[in-house]
N, C-alpha and C. Protein backbone atom coordinates (compact mmCIF):
# COMPACT_ATOMS: atom_id res chain seq x y z
N MET A 1 23.25 -26.01 20.44
CA MET A 1 22.40 -25.74 19.31
C MET A 1 22.79 -24.39 18.70
N LYS A 2 22.97 -24.38 17.42
CA LYS A 2 23.38 -23.18 16.71
C LYS A 2 22.21 -22.19 16.62
N ALA A 3 22.56 -20.92 16.47
CA ALA A 3 21.53 -19.88 16.42
C ALA A 3 20.65 -20.03 15.18
N TYR A 4 21.24 -20.44 14.06
CA TYR A 4 20.43 -20.54 12.85
C TYR A 4 19.42 -21.68 12.92
N THR A 5 19.71 -22.73 13.67
CA THR A 5 18.71 -23.80 13.82
C THR A 5 17.54 -23.34 14.69
N VAL A 6 17.84 -22.51 15.69
CA VAL A 6 16.76 -21.95 16.52
C VAL A 6 15.90 -21.01 15.68
N ILE A 7 16.53 -20.15 14.88
CA ILE A 7 15.78 -19.23 14.02
C ILE A 7 14.93 -20.01 13.03
N GLN A 8 15.49 -21.08 12.45
CA GLN A 8 14.74 -21.90 11.50
C GLN A 8 13.56 -22.58 12.19
N SER A 9 13.76 -23.09 13.40
CA SER A 9 12.67 -23.73 14.13
C SER A 9 11.56 -22.75 14.48
N VAL A 10 11.94 -21.55 14.90
CA VAL A 10 10.94 -20.53 15.23
C VAL A 10 10.18 -20.11 13.97
N ALA A 11 10.89 -19.98 12.85
CA ALA A 11 10.23 -19.61 11.59
C ALA A 11 9.22 -20.68 11.17
N ILE A 12 9.60 -21.94 11.28
CA ILE A 12 8.69 -23.03 10.90
C ILE A 12 7.49 -23.07 11.84
N ALA A 13 7.73 -22.91 13.14
CA ALA A 13 6.61 -22.91 14.09
C ALA A 13 5.67 -21.74 13.85
N ALA A 14 6.22 -20.56 13.54
CA ALA A 14 5.37 -19.40 13.28
C ALA A 14 4.60 -19.56 11.98
N LEU A 15 5.21 -20.17 10.97
CA LEU A 15 4.49 -20.43 9.72
C LEU A 15 3.35 -21.43 9.92
N ILE A 16 3.60 -22.45 10.73
CA ILE A 16 2.55 -23.43 11.03
C ILE A 16 1.41 -22.77 11.81
N ALA A 17 1.77 -21.94 12.79
CA ALA A 17 0.73 -21.26 13.58
C ALA A 17 -0.08 -20.29 12.73
N SER A 18 0.59 -19.55 11.84
CA SER A 18 -0.16 -18.62 10.99
C SER A 18 -1.03 -19.36 9.99
N THR A 19 -0.59 -20.52 9.51
CA THR A 19 -1.42 -21.33 8.62
C THR A 19 -2.65 -21.84 9.36
N ALA A 20 -2.47 -22.26 10.60
CA ALA A 20 -3.61 -22.73 11.40
C ALA A 20 -4.59 -21.60 11.66
N MET A 21 -4.09 -20.41 11.99
CA MET A 21 -4.99 -19.27 12.23
C MET A 21 -5.72 -18.87 10.96
N LEU A 22 -5.03 -18.91 9.82
CA LEU A 22 -5.67 -18.57 8.56
C LEU A 22 -6.75 -19.58 8.20
N THR A 23 -6.47 -20.85 8.43
CA THR A 23 -7.44 -21.90 8.12
C THR A 23 -8.67 -21.79 9.02
N LEU A 24 -8.45 -21.57 10.31
CA LEU A 24 -9.58 -21.42 11.23
C LEU A 24 -10.38 -20.16 10.94
N GLY A 25 -9.69 -19.09 10.56
CA GLY A 25 -10.40 -17.86 10.21
C GLY A 25 -11.22 -18.01 8.94
N ALA A 26 -10.67 -18.75 7.96
CA ALA A 26 -11.42 -18.98 6.72
C ALA A 26 -12.64 -19.86 6.98
N ALA A 27 -12.50 -20.82 7.87
CA ALA A 27 -13.64 -21.69 8.17
C ALA A 27 -14.71 -20.92 8.96
N GLY A 28 -14.30 -20.01 9.82
CA GLY A 28 -15.26 -19.25 10.62
C GLY A 28 -15.99 -18.17 9.84
N ALA A 29 -15.35 -17.65 8.80
CA ALA A 29 -15.96 -16.58 8.00
C ALA A 29 -16.59 -17.11 6.72
N HIS A 30 -16.90 -18.38 6.69
CA HIS A 30 -17.45 -19.01 5.47
C HIS A 30 -18.84 -18.48 5.16
N ARG A 31 -19.02 -18.01 3.92
CA ARG A 31 -20.31 -17.48 3.50
C ARG A 31 -20.79 -18.10 2.18
N GLY A 32 -19.98 -18.93 1.56
CA GLY A 32 -20.34 -19.48 0.25
C GLY A 32 -20.78 -20.92 0.32
N THR A 33 -20.57 -21.62 -0.78
CA THR A 33 -20.95 -23.02 -0.87
C THR A 33 -19.93 -23.90 -0.17
N LEU A 34 -20.27 -25.16 -0.04
CA LEU A 34 -19.36 -26.12 0.59
C LEU A 34 -18.11 -26.31 -0.26
N ARG A 35 -18.26 -26.28 -1.57
CA ARG A 35 -17.11 -26.44 -2.45
C ARG A 35 -16.12 -25.28 -2.27
N GLU A 36 -16.62 -24.06 -2.15
CA GLU A 36 -15.75 -22.91 -1.93
C GLU A 36 -15.01 -23.02 -0.60
N LEU A 37 -15.70 -23.52 0.42
CA LEU A 37 -15.06 -23.70 1.72
C LEU A 37 -13.94 -24.72 1.62
N ILE A 38 -14.19 -25.83 0.96
CA ILE A 38 -13.16 -26.87 0.82
C ILE A 38 -11.98 -26.35 0.02
N GLU A 39 -12.23 -25.61 -1.06
CA GLU A 39 -11.14 -25.05 -1.86
C GLU A 39 -10.31 -24.05 -1.05
N THR A 40 -10.97 -23.23 -0.27
CA THR A 40 -10.26 -22.25 0.55
C THR A 40 -9.40 -22.93 1.61
N LEU A 41 -9.98 -23.92 2.29
CA LEU A 41 -9.23 -24.62 3.33
C LEU A 41 -8.06 -25.39 2.74
N LEU A 42 -8.28 -26.09 1.64
CA LEU A 42 -7.18 -26.82 1.01
C LEU A 42 -6.09 -25.88 0.51
N GLY A 43 -6.49 -24.74 -0.05
CA GLY A 43 -5.51 -23.77 -0.52
C GLY A 43 -4.66 -23.21 0.60
N SER A 44 -5.28 -22.89 1.71
CA SER A 44 -4.51 -22.34 2.82
C SER A 44 -3.60 -23.39 3.45
N ILE A 45 -4.08 -24.61 3.57
CA ILE A 45 -3.25 -25.67 4.14
C ILE A 45 -2.09 -26.01 3.22
N LEU A 46 -2.36 -26.17 1.93
CA LEU A 46 -1.29 -26.50 0.98
C LEU A 46 -0.28 -25.36 0.85
N GLY A 47 -0.76 -24.11 0.89
CA GLY A 47 0.16 -22.97 0.86
C GLY A 47 1.07 -22.94 2.08
N GLY A 48 0.50 -23.20 3.25
CA GLY A 48 1.31 -23.24 4.46
C GLY A 48 2.33 -24.37 4.44
N ILE A 49 1.93 -25.54 3.95
CA ILE A 49 2.86 -26.67 3.83
C ILE A 49 3.98 -26.33 2.87
N PHE A 50 3.65 -25.64 1.77
CA PHE A 50 4.66 -25.26 0.79
C PHE A 50 5.70 -24.31 1.40
N PHE A 51 5.24 -23.31 2.17
CA PHE A 51 6.19 -22.38 2.78
C PHE A 51 7.04 -23.06 3.85
N VAL A 52 6.44 -23.95 4.62
CA VAL A 52 7.22 -24.69 5.63
C VAL A 52 8.26 -25.57 4.94
N TRP A 53 7.88 -26.21 3.85
CA TRP A 53 8.82 -27.05 3.11
C TRP A 53 9.98 -26.22 2.56
N MET A 54 9.68 -25.01 2.05
CA MET A 54 10.75 -24.17 1.51
C MET A 54 11.75 -23.78 2.60
N ILE A 55 11.25 -23.45 3.78
CA ILE A 55 12.15 -23.07 4.86
C ILE A 55 12.88 -24.29 5.42
N TRP A 56 12.24 -25.45 5.39
CA TRP A 56 12.87 -26.66 5.89
C TRP A 56 13.99 -27.13 4.98
N GLU A 57 13.75 -27.13 3.67
CA GLU A 57 14.71 -27.67 2.72
C GLU A 57 15.84 -26.70 2.39
N ARG A 58 15.53 -25.47 2.05
CA ARG A 58 16.53 -24.50 1.62
C ARG A 58 16.31 -23.16 2.32
N PRO A 59 16.67 -23.08 3.59
CA PRO A 59 16.38 -21.85 4.33
C PRO A 59 17.16 -20.63 3.84
N ARG A 60 18.40 -20.84 3.40
CA ARG A 60 19.19 -19.69 2.94
C ARG A 60 18.68 -19.17 1.60
N GLN A 61 18.31 -20.06 0.70
CA GLN A 61 17.88 -19.65 -0.63
C GLN A 61 16.47 -19.06 -0.62
N TRP A 62 15.56 -19.66 0.16
CA TRP A 62 14.17 -19.24 0.11
C TRP A 62 13.74 -18.37 1.28
N GLY A 63 14.62 -18.15 2.24
CA GLY A 63 14.26 -17.36 3.42
C GLY A 63 13.90 -15.93 3.07
N LEU A 64 14.67 -15.32 2.17
CA LEU A 64 14.41 -13.93 1.80
C LEU A 64 13.05 -13.79 1.12
N TRP A 65 12.76 -14.65 0.16
CA TRP A 65 11.52 -14.54 -0.60
C TRP A 65 10.30 -14.90 0.24
N THR A 66 10.45 -15.90 1.09
CA THR A 66 9.35 -16.24 1.98
C THR A 66 9.10 -15.11 2.98
N GLY A 67 10.16 -14.53 3.51
CA GLY A 67 10.01 -13.40 4.42
C GLY A 67 9.37 -12.19 3.76
N LEU A 68 9.75 -11.91 2.52
CA LEU A 68 9.14 -10.79 1.80
C LEU A 68 7.67 -11.06 1.50
N PHE A 69 7.34 -12.30 1.15
CA PHE A 69 5.94 -12.63 0.87
C PHE A 69 5.09 -12.52 2.13
N VAL A 70 5.60 -13.02 3.25
CA VAL A 70 4.85 -12.92 4.51
C VAL A 70 4.73 -11.45 4.93
N SER A 71 5.75 -10.64 4.67
CA SER A 71 5.67 -9.20 4.97
C SER A 71 4.61 -8.53 4.10
N ALA A 72 4.52 -8.94 2.82
CA ALA A 72 3.49 -8.39 1.94
C ALA A 72 2.09 -8.78 2.43
N ILE A 73 1.93 -10.02 2.89
CA ILE A 73 0.65 -10.45 3.45
C ILE A 73 0.30 -9.60 4.67
N LEU A 74 1.28 -9.36 5.51
CA LEU A 74 1.06 -8.54 6.71
C LEU A 74 0.64 -7.12 6.34
N CYS A 75 1.28 -6.54 5.34
CA CYS A 75 0.91 -5.18 4.90
C CYS A 75 -0.51 -5.15 4.34
N ALA A 76 -0.86 -6.16 3.54
CA ALA A 76 -2.21 -6.20 2.96
C ALA A 76 -3.26 -6.39 4.04
N GLN A 77 -3.00 -7.25 5.01
CA GLN A 77 -3.97 -7.45 6.08
C GLN A 77 -4.11 -6.20 6.94
N THR A 78 -3.01 -5.50 7.19
CA THR A 78 -3.08 -4.27 7.97
C THR A 78 -3.89 -3.21 7.22
N PHE A 79 -3.66 -3.11 5.91
CA PHE A 79 -4.41 -2.14 5.10
C PHE A 79 -5.90 -2.43 5.13
N THR A 80 -6.28 -3.69 4.92
CA THR A 80 -7.70 -4.01 4.92
C THR A 80 -8.31 -3.88 6.31
N TRP A 81 -7.52 -4.16 7.36
CA TRP A 81 -8.03 -3.98 8.71
C TRP A 81 -8.29 -2.49 9.00
N LEU A 82 -7.38 -1.63 8.55
CA LEU A 82 -7.57 -0.20 8.76
C LEU A 82 -8.81 0.31 8.02
N ILE A 83 -9.04 -0.19 6.82
CA ILE A 83 -10.24 0.20 6.09
C ILE A 83 -11.49 -0.28 6.82
N GLY A 84 -11.48 -1.52 7.28
CA GLY A 84 -12.63 -2.07 7.98
C GLY A 84 -12.87 -1.42 9.33
N ALA A 85 -11.80 -1.07 10.04
CA ALA A 85 -11.96 -0.47 11.36
C ALA A 85 -12.46 0.96 11.28
N SER A 86 -12.15 1.65 10.19
CA SER A 86 -12.58 3.03 10.08
C SER A 86 -13.89 3.19 9.32
N GLY A 87 -14.45 2.09 8.84
CA GLY A 87 -15.69 2.17 8.07
C GLY A 87 -16.90 2.41 8.95
N PRO A 88 -17.97 2.92 8.35
CA PRO A 88 -19.17 3.22 9.14
C PRO A 88 -19.95 1.97 9.54
N PHE A 89 -19.67 0.84 8.91
CA PHE A 89 -20.43 -0.38 9.19
C PHE A 89 -19.68 -1.36 10.07
N SER A 90 -18.66 -0.90 10.76
CA SER A 90 -17.91 -1.80 11.64
C SER A 90 -18.64 -1.93 12.96
N GLY A 91 -19.46 -2.96 13.07
CA GLY A 91 -20.26 -3.15 14.27
C GLY A 91 -19.50 -3.81 15.39
N GLU A 92 -18.39 -4.45 15.08
CA GLU A 92 -17.61 -5.13 16.11
C GLU A 92 -16.68 -4.15 16.80
N ASN A 93 -16.23 -4.54 17.96
CA ASN A 93 -15.25 -3.74 18.69
C ASN A 93 -13.87 -4.10 18.14
N ARG A 94 -13.28 -3.24 17.37
CA ARG A 94 -11.99 -3.52 16.75
C ARG A 94 -10.93 -2.65 17.42
N ASN A 95 -10.15 -3.27 18.27
CA ASN A 95 -9.10 -2.51 18.94
C ASN A 95 -7.75 -2.88 18.35
N VAL A 96 -6.81 -1.98 18.48
CA VAL A 96 -5.49 -2.15 17.89
C VAL A 96 -4.71 -3.25 18.60
N LEU A 97 -4.86 -3.37 19.91
CA LEU A 97 -4.11 -4.37 20.66
C LEU A 97 -4.51 -5.79 20.23
N GLY A 98 -5.79 -6.02 20.05
CA GLY A 98 -6.22 -7.34 19.60
C GLY A 98 -5.68 -7.68 18.24
N TYR A 99 -5.65 -6.71 17.34
CA TYR A 99 -5.10 -6.93 16.01
C TYR A 99 -3.60 -7.18 16.08
N ALA A 100 -2.89 -6.42 16.90
CA ALA A 100 -1.44 -6.58 17.01
C ALA A 100 -1.07 -7.95 17.56
N VAL A 101 -1.83 -8.43 18.53
CA VAL A 101 -1.56 -9.77 19.08
C VAL A 101 -1.81 -10.84 18.02
N PHE A 102 -2.87 -10.65 17.24
CA PHE A 102 -3.20 -11.62 16.20
C PHE A 102 -2.14 -11.65 15.11
N GLU A 103 -1.59 -10.50 14.76
CA GLU A 103 -0.61 -10.42 13.68
C GLU A 103 0.83 -10.60 14.16
N ALA A 104 1.05 -10.76 15.45
CA ALA A 104 2.41 -10.94 15.96
C ALA A 104 3.05 -12.20 15.41
N VAL A 105 2.26 -13.21 15.15
CA VAL A 105 2.80 -14.46 14.59
C VAL A 105 3.37 -14.21 13.20
N LEU A 106 2.70 -13.42 12.39
CA LEU A 106 3.22 -13.11 11.06
C LEU A 106 4.48 -12.26 11.13
N VAL A 107 4.56 -11.36 12.09
CA VAL A 107 5.76 -10.55 12.26
C VAL A 107 6.95 -11.44 12.64
N ILE A 108 6.72 -12.38 13.54
CA ILE A 108 7.79 -13.30 13.95
C ILE A 108 8.21 -14.18 12.77
N ALA A 109 7.25 -14.69 12.01
CA ALA A 109 7.57 -15.53 10.86
C ALA A 109 8.36 -14.75 9.81
N ALA A 110 7.93 -13.54 9.51
CA ALA A 110 8.63 -12.73 8.51
C ALA A 110 10.04 -12.39 8.97
N GLY A 111 10.19 -11.99 10.23
CA GLY A 111 11.51 -11.65 10.75
C GLY A 111 12.47 -12.82 10.75
N CYS A 112 11.98 -13.98 11.16
CA CYS A 112 12.84 -15.16 11.19
C CYS A 112 13.21 -15.63 9.78
N CYS A 113 12.26 -15.57 8.87
CA CYS A 113 12.56 -15.97 7.49
C CYS A 113 13.57 -15.04 6.85
N LEU A 114 13.43 -13.75 7.09
CA LEU A 114 14.41 -12.80 6.57
C LEU A 114 15.77 -12.98 7.22
N ALA A 115 15.79 -13.30 8.51
CA ALA A 115 17.07 -13.50 9.20
C ALA A 115 17.79 -14.75 8.71
N LEU A 116 17.04 -15.75 8.26
CA LEU A 116 17.68 -16.97 7.77
C LEU A 116 18.54 -16.72 6.53
N ARG A 117 18.21 -15.71 5.78
CA ARG A 117 18.98 -15.41 4.56
C ARG A 117 20.42 -15.07 4.91
N TRP A 118 20.63 -14.40 6.03
CA TRP A 118 21.97 -13.97 6.38
C TRP A 118 22.59 -14.78 7.52
N CYS A 119 21.80 -15.48 8.30
CA CYS A 119 22.33 -16.25 9.44
C CYS A 119 22.69 -17.68 9.07
N TYR A 120 22.00 -18.25 8.10
CA TYR A 120 22.20 -19.66 7.78
C TYR A 120 23.53 -19.82 7.02
N PRO A 121 24.34 -20.82 7.36
CA PRO A 121 25.63 -20.96 6.68
C PRO A 121 25.45 -21.37 5.21
N LYS A 122 26.43 -20.99 4.41
CA LYS A 122 26.38 -21.34 2.99
C LYS A 122 26.61 -22.83 2.83
N GLY A 123 25.84 -23.42 1.94
CA GLY A 123 25.94 -24.86 1.69
C GLY A 123 27.05 -25.16 0.68
N PRO A 124 27.28 -26.44 0.45
CA PRO A 124 28.35 -26.82 -0.49
C PRO A 124 27.98 -26.51 -1.93
């Protein structure tokens, strides 16, 4: 098995896992109407399917952009987590290790997607 197929498989698995975690998190933090919940869940599932399809079909062409987008998501989530963890109304126990374990899937997905840009062989 070639290295680029392993990287592609890990990227797809990490994207599927991050989509599942995002969907479960959106369902658990639901505060609006049923329609808003359905729209949020469908949006997260369809977005995850779209990114998996991009990496499945054209990993060399879309790997860089998917990796950059996932990295931007990771930066935004880290920024909002830091704001929430340092706020005066953070009643939950927010530790850095728990956050790092939760976001490790996004780091793996971003790294593998970015690596596909240079590891995957050029097509015809």
